Amino acid sequence: MIAPTAESTAAIRAASRSDLPAVERLLTASELPLDGVKESIDTFVVAESGGDIVGVAGLECCRHDALLRSVAVLPEWRSKGVGRALVARAIADAEARGMNALYLLTTTAERYFPSFGFSLVDRKDIPADVRATKEFTGACPDTAIAMKRDLRSA
């Protein structure tokens, strides 16, 4: 694994099927669920440096809305803007797909996501197709905080 230096950067790009093993290793190391990752890898983005995956963020598209999931960055790459770049790219991808809203579940980052326009939402107010994802039906604990970001233009 390439450790970041003051000059090193990570390129953000769309994930490919060949990235799946590295993405799964990163998510496992970050104690995030793998349920549904294989099925949605085509809508994930990764941060890459020197040929290594150093971060990931995923979209799980559900008709008119999407779930932001699997946001993880290697410890040595944290606090360097990689997570912020990944989340911004995932939001832009959801907007480009014409999604109405983006939802997420978190057990650790409820203070991080409001800076991207996410706010707390009651689970019962989340569309049924998003609540039917593996994240909602068991991969994340019931204690996870639900958040929403509206993507429709005002």
Protein backbone atom coordinates (compact mmCIF):
# COMPACT_ATOMS: atom_id res chain seq x y z
CA MET A 1 0.00 0.00 0.00
CA ILE A 2 1.26 3.44 -0.89
CA ALA A 3 1.39 5.82 2.07
CA PRO A 4 0.49 9.39 1.20
CA THR A 5 3.13 12.07 1.14
CA ALA A 6 2.67 15.83 1.13
CA GLU A 7 2.64 15.72 -2.68
CA SER A 8 0.53 12.60 -3.20
CA THR A 9 -3.03 12.76 -4.39
CA ALA A 10 -5.72 10.22 -5.05
CA ALA A 11 -7.61 10.20 -8.33
CA ILE A 12 -11.37 9.71 -8.10
CA ARG A 13 -12.86 7.46 -10.77
CA ALA A 14 -15.79 5.15 -11.42
CA ALA A 15 -15.31 1.71 -9.93
CA SER A 16 -15.08 -1.34 -12.16
CA ARG A 17 -15.86 -4.98 -11.50
CA SER A 18 -12.11 -5.64 -11.22
CA ASP A 19 -12.01 -3.27 -8.20
CA LEU A 20 -14.42 -5.46 -6.22
CA PRO A 21 -11.80 -7.45 -4.24
CA ALA A 22 -9.95 -4.27 -3.17
CA VAL A 23 -13.23 -2.51 -2.33
CA GLU A 24 -14.38 -5.48 -0.24
CA ARG A 25 -11.04 -5.54 1.64
CA LEU A 26 -11.30 -1.83 2.39
CA LEU A 27 -14.92 -2.12 3.56
CA THR A 28 -14.11 -5.15 5.73
CA ALA A 29 -11.16 -3.32 7.31
CA SER A 30 -13.50 -0.37 7.95
CA GLU A 31 -16.09 -2.67 9.54
CA LEU A 32 -18.70 -1.79 6.90
CA PRO A 33 -21.14 -4.34 5.46
CA LEU A 34 -20.52 -6.07 2.14
CA ASP A 35 -24.17 -6.95 1.52
CA GLY A 36 -25.22 -5.56 -1.85
CA VAL A 37 -21.76 -4.24 -2.82
CA LYS A 38 -21.21 -6.78 -5.60
CA GLU A 39 -24.59 -5.96 -7.12
CA SER A 40 -23.98 -2.20 -7.04
CA ILE A 41 -20.24 -1.93 -7.77
CA ASP A 42 -20.99 -0.32 -11.15
CA THR A 43 -22.36 2.75 -9.33
CA PHE A 44 -19.47 3.03 -6.87
CA VAL A 45 -16.54 5.44 -7.10
CA VAL A 46 -13.03 4.82 -5.84
CA ALA A 47 -10.02 6.88 -4.93
CA GLU A 48 -6.84 5.45 -6.37
CA SER A 49 -3.19 6.24 -5.79
CA GLY A 50 -0.31 4.37 -7.37
CA GLY A 51 -2.66 1.64 -8.55
CA ASP A 52 -4.06 1.04 -5.04
CA ILE A 53 -7.65 1.70 -3.94
CA VAL A 54 -7.40 4.10 -0.97
CA GLY A 55 -11.08 5.08 -0.67
CA VAL A 56 -14.55 4.18 -1.83
CA ALA A 57 -18.11 5.49 -1.87
CA GLY A 58 -21.14 3.78 -3.33
CA LEU A 59 -24.52 4.59 -4.73
CA GLU A 60 -27.33 2.08 -4.66
CA CYS A 61 -29.98 3.35 -7.06
CA CYS A 62 -33.61 2.71 -6.17
CA ARG A 63 -35.91 3.96 -8.94
CA HIS A 64 -36.09 7.74 -8.28
CA ASP A 65 -33.87 7.89 -5.20
CA ALA A 66 -30.47 6.53 -4.18
CA LEU A 67 -28.66 5.30 -1.11
CA LEU A 68 -25.17 6.62 -0.37
CA ARG A 69 -23.30 3.74 1.20
CA SER A 70 -19.91 2.21 1.84
CA VAL A 71 -17.96 5.43 2.31
CA ALA A 72 -14.52 4.41 3.54
CA VAL A 73 -10.96 5.73 3.33
CA LEU A 74 -7.76 3.99 4.42
CA PRO A 75 -6.61 5.39 7.79
CA GLU A 76 -3.40 6.85 6.36
CA TRP A 77 -5.42 8.75 3.73
CA ARG A 78 -7.96 10.28 6.11
CA SER A 79 -8.07 14.04 6.69
CA LYS A 80 -6.58 14.64 3.25
CA GLY A 81 -9.82 15.42 1.38
CA VAL A 82 -10.25 11.94 -0.10
CA GLY A 83 -13.54 11.21 1.68
CA ARG A 84 -14.88 14.65 0.80
CA ALA A 85 -13.98 14.16 -2.87
CA LEU A 86 -15.61 10.71 -2.92
CA VAL A 87 -18.85 11.94 -1.35
CA ALA A 88 -18.98 14.98 -3.64
CA ARG A 89 -18.52 12.73 -6.69
CA ALA A 90 -21.22 10.30 -5.48
CA ILE A 91 -23.64 13.22 -5.00
CA ALA A 92 -22.82 14.54 -8.47
CA ASP A 93 -23.36 11.07 -9.94
CA ALA A 94 -26.76 10.79 -8.23
CA GLU A 95 -27.72 14.22 -9.57
CA ALA A 96 -26.56 13.26 -13.08
CA ARG A 97 -28.76 10.15 -12.87
CA GLY A 98 -31.76 12.36 -12.11
CA MET A 99 -32.34 11.03 -8.60
CA ASN A 100 -34.80 12.96 -6.44
CA ALA A 101 -33.01 12.42 -3.13
CA LEU A 102 -30.01 10.70 -1.63
CA TYR A 103 -30.31 8.79 1.65
CA LEU A 104 -27.75 7.24 3.97
CA LEU A 105 -27.39 5.34 7.22
CA THR A 106 -24.51 6.02 9.59
CA THR A 107 -23.41 4.86 13.00
CA THR A 108 -20.33 7.09 13.22
CA ALA A 109 -20.53 10.09 10.86
CA GLU A 110 -23.74 11.95 11.66
CA ARG A 111 -21.68 15.13 12.19
CA TYR A 112 -19.80 14.75 8.90
CA PHE A 113 -22.63 14.50 6.38
CA PRO A 114 -24.52 17.76 7.15
CA SER A 115 -21.63 19.61 5.49
CA PHE A 116 -22.87 18.01 2.24
CA GLY A 117 -26.47 19.09 2.79
CA PHE A 118 -27.69 15.94 4.54
CA SER A 119 -30.14 16.25 7.42
CA LEU A 120 -31.74 13.80 9.80
CA VAL A 121 -34.81 11.99 8.53
CA ASP A 122 -37.21 9.56 10.17
CA ARG A 123 -36.90 6.09 8.65
CA LYS A 124 -40.65 5.94 8.08
CA ASP A 125 -40.33 8.95 5.74
CA ILE A 126 -37.83 7.18 3.47
CA PRO A 127 -39.26 5.67 0.26
CA ALA A 128 -40.09 1.97 0.48
CA ASP A 129 -37.65 0.96 -2.28
CA VAL A 130 -34.74 2.55 -0.38
CA ARG A 131 -35.90 0.92 2.87
CA ALA A 132 -35.92 -2.43 1.02
CA THR A 133 -32.16 -2.30 0.35
CA LYS A 134 -29.88 -4.70 2.21
CA GLU A 135 -28.42 -1.75 4.13
CA PHE A 136 -31.83 -0.99 5.64
CA THR A 137 -33.08 -4.56 6.02
CA GLY A 138 -30.21 -5.88 8.05
CA ALA A 139 -26.70 -4.86 7.00
CA CYS A 140 -26.84 -1.73 9.18
CA PRO A 141 -28.13 -1.83 12.74
CA ASP A 142 -31.51 -0.36 13.63
CA THR A 143 -29.63 2.19 15.72
CA ALA A 144 -27.99 3.72 12.61
CA ILE A 145 -28.98 7.31 11.97
CA ALA A 146 -30.88 7.98 8.74
CA MET A 147 -30.14 11.10 6.73
CA LYS A 148 -31.42 12.67 3.51
CA ARG A 149 -30.17 15.14 0.92
CA ASP A 150 -32.69 16.51 -1.55
CA LEU A 151 -31.30 16.52 -5.09
CA ARG A 152 -34.14 18.28 -6.88
CA SER A 153 -33.52 21.81 -8.03
CA ALA A 154 -35.36 24.47 -6.11
